[in-house]
N, C-alpha and C. Protein backbone atom coordinates (compact mmCIF):
# COMPACT_ATOMS: atom_id res chain seq x y z
N MET A 1 131.94 128.19 117.27
CA MET A 1 132.74 126.58 117.10
C MET A 1 131.30 125.71 117.43
N ILE A 2 130.99 126.04 118.40
CA ILE A 2 130.15 125.24 119.37
C ILE A 2 128.82 124.88 118.23
N SER A 3 128.25 126.13 117.86
CA SER A 3 127.81 126.11 117.32
C SER A 3 127.47 125.78 115.54
N GLN A 4 128.58 125.36 115.10
CA GLN A 4 129.03 124.50 113.83
C GLN A 4 128.49 123.19 113.94
N LEU A 5 128.87 122.97 115.45
CA LEU A 5 128.90 121.18 115.59
C LEU A 5 127.61 120.80 115.95
N LEU A 6 126.88 121.59 116.96
CA LEU A 6 125.87 121.25 116.68
C LEU A 6 124.97 121.40 115.31
N ALA A 7 125.34 122.37 114.23
CA ALA A 7 124.12 122.28 113.31
C ALA A 7 124.78 120.87 112.61
N GLU A 8 126.08 120.82 112.57
CA GLU A 8 126.40 119.28 112.48
C GLU A 8 125.64 118.47 112.47
N GLY A 9 125.47 117.94 113.83
CA GLY A 9 124.48 117.09 114.81
C GLY A 9 123.66 117.19 114.16
N ALA A 10 122.45 117.49 114.01
CA ALA A 10 121.22 118.36 113.37
C ALA A 10 121.04 117.58 111.52
N ILE A 11 121.70 117.36 111.40
CA ILE A 11 121.37 116.83 109.85
C ILE A 11 121.23 115.00 110.18
N VAL A 12 119.98 115.41 109.71
CA VAL A 12 119.68 113.80 109.69
C VAL A 12 119.81 113.46 107.87
N HIS A 13 120.07 111.74 108.63
CA HIS A 13 120.87 111.36 106.78
C HIS A 13 119.22 110.54 106.38
N HIS A 14 118.55 110.68 105.62
CA HIS A 14 117.26 110.61 104.65
C HIS A 14 117.75 108.95 103.83
N SER A 15 116.99 107.86 104.43
CA SER A 15 117.17 106.95 103.18
C SER A 15 116.37 106.73 102.22
N GLU A 16 116.52 106.05 101.32
CA GLU A 16 115.80 105.90 100.43
C GLU A 16 114.38 104.64 101.11
N LEU A 17 113.25 104.70 100.76
CA LEU A 17 112.99 102.88 100.65
C LEU A 17 113.02 102.33 99.10
N PRO A 18 113.66 101.00 99.75
CA PRO A 18 113.50 99.39 98.45
C PRO A 18 112.20 99.97 97.22
N ILE A 19 110.81 99.87 98.16
CA ILE A 19 109.84 100.36 97.23
C ILE A 19 108.83 101.44 97.72
N PRO A 20 108.17 101.59 96.67
CA PRO A 20 107.57 102.50 97.12
C PRO A 20 106.29 102.40 98.06
N GLY A 21 106.58 103.85 99.28
CA GLY A 21 105.21 103.01 100.58
C GLY A 21 104.51 102.88 100.28
N ILE A 22 103.71 102.63 99.52
CA ILE A 22 101.96 102.15 99.63
C ILE A 22 102.21 101.05 99.38
N LEU A 23 103.49 99.90 98.50
CA LEU A 23 103.22 98.80 98.35
C LEU A 23 103.20 97.75 99.79
N PHE A 24 104.08 98.33 100.61
CA PHE A 24 103.85 98.20 102.14
C PHE A 24 102.25 97.92 102.86
N GLY A 25 101.91 98.36 102.50
CA GLY A 25 100.56 98.69 102.68
C GLY A 25 99.71 97.27 101.88
N VAL A 26 99.70 96.90 100.70
CA VAL A 26 99.35 95.97 99.77
C VAL A 26 100.02 94.94 100.30
N ILE A 27 100.64 95.16 100.43
CA ILE A 27 102.17 93.33 101.18
C ILE A 27 101.84 93.00 102.25
N ALA A 28 101.38 93.74 102.82
CA ALA A 28 100.20 93.58 104.59
C ALA A 28 99.07 93.04 104.18
N PHE A 29 98.59 93.54 103.18
CA PHE A 29 97.12 92.72 102.84
C PHE A 29 97.05 91.70 101.96
N VAL A 30 97.97 91.89 101.58
CA VAL A 30 97.67 90.19 100.46
C VAL A 30 97.98 89.35 101.37
N SER A 31 99.21 89.86 102.10
CA SER A 31 99.75 88.44 103.62
C SER A 31 98.20 88.18 104.66
N PHE A 32 97.74 88.99 104.38
CA PHE A 32 96.66 89.00 105.97
C PHE A 32 95.76 88.15 105.18
N LEU A 33 95.49 88.37 103.83
CA LEU A 33 94.46 88.03 103.02
C LEU A 33 95.04 86.64 102.95
N ALA A 34 95.74 85.93 102.61
CA ALA A 34 96.25 84.92 101.75
C ALA A 34 96.47 83.96 103.45
N LEU A 35 96.70 84.71 104.46
CA LEU A 35 95.93 83.47 106.04
C LEU A 35 94.76 83.76 106.42
N GLY A 36 94.01 84.31 106.10
CA GLY A 36 92.46 84.21 106.45
C GLY A 36 92.57 83.27 105.21
N LEU A 37 92.60 83.34 104.35
CA LEU A 37 91.88 81.97 103.32
C LEU A 37 92.57 80.77 104.05
N VAL A 38 93.87 80.42 104.40
CA VAL A 38 94.49 78.82 105.09
C VAL A 38 93.23 78.69 106.24
N THR A 39 93.61 80.33 107.12
CA THR A 39 92.43 79.64 108.37
C THR A 39 90.80 78.99 107.74
N MET A 40 90.34 79.71 107.29
CA MET A 40 88.80 79.71 106.33
C MET A 40 88.86 78.12 105.88
N SER A 41 90.04 77.82 105.46
CA SER A 41 90.19 76.35 104.69
C SER A 41 90.07 75.03 105.56
N TYR A 42 90.60 75.64 107.05
CA TYR A 42 90.15 74.20 107.86
C TYR A 42 88.92 74.60 108.70
N ARG A 43 87.99 75.34 108.42
CA ARG A 43 86.95 75.35 108.75
C ARG A 43 85.92 73.83 108.83
N ASP A 44 85.07 73.24 109.39
CA ASP A 44 84.38 72.43 109.43
C ASP A 44 85.49 71.48 109.31
N VAL A 45 86.66 70.86 109.52
CA VAL A 45 87.33 70.12 108.96
C VAL A 45 87.10 68.62 109.68
N ALA A 46 86.39 68.98 111.40
CA ALA A 46 86.13 68.31 112.10
C ALA A 46 84.84 67.45 111.71
N ASN A 47 83.75 67.47 111.12
CA ASN A 47 82.63 67.56 111.17
C ASN A 47 82.44 66.83 109.42
N ARG A 48 83.56 66.59 109.03
CA ARG A 48 84.31 65.48 107.91
C ARG A 48 84.57 64.23 108.13
N HIS A 49 84.77 64.18 109.80
CA HIS A 49 85.17 62.89 109.85
C HIS A 49 84.31 62.56 110.97
N SER A 50 83.37 62.74 110.62
CA SER A 50 81.81 62.15 112.05
C SER A 50 81.69 60.37 112.22
N HIS A 51 82.67 59.61 111.87
CA HIS A 51 82.75 58.39 112.48
C HIS A 51 83.41 58.46 113.99
N LYS A 52 84.28 59.08 113.23
CA LYS A 52 85.64 58.76 114.59
C LYS A 52 84.89 59.45 115.66
N THR A 53 84.22 60.28 115.70
CA THR A 53 83.44 60.97 116.75
C THR A 53 82.08 60.60 117.22
N ALA A 54 81.26 59.78 116.64
CA ALA A 54 80.47 59.41 116.42
C ALA A 54 79.99 58.63 117.84
N GLY A 55 80.80 58.13 118.77
CA GLY A 55 80.42 57.59 119.93
C GLY A 55 80.83 58.07 121.19
N THR A 56 81.35 59.60 120.68
CA THR A 56 81.57 60.46 121.58
C THR A 56 80.56 61.61 122.03
N LYS A 57 78.92 62.25 121.08
CA LYS A 57 78.78 62.46 120.82
C LYS A 57 77.43 62.27 122.19
N ALA A 58 77.29 63.42 123.39
CA ALA A 58 76.22 62.83 124.51
C ALA A 58 74.93 62.68 123.58
N SER A 59 74.56 61.94 124.15
CA SER A 59 72.33 61.82 123.76
C SER A 59 71.68 62.65 124.66
N HIS A 60 70.96 63.37 124.05
CA HIS A 60 69.50 64.54 125.29
C HIS A 60 68.49 63.97 124.44
């Protein structure tokens, strides 16, 4: 009786993934690529408005 209870407790219930496993990696890669593009789009923004910072630059 005890061995039967232990055997029933050892049963693992497997659940299916909603999408294939490789797509989780693809989604993560595309997400990081999109975030990288957003980050790169802000490069050199401060230099576009040099008239605002012209007086604060140190002259050497």
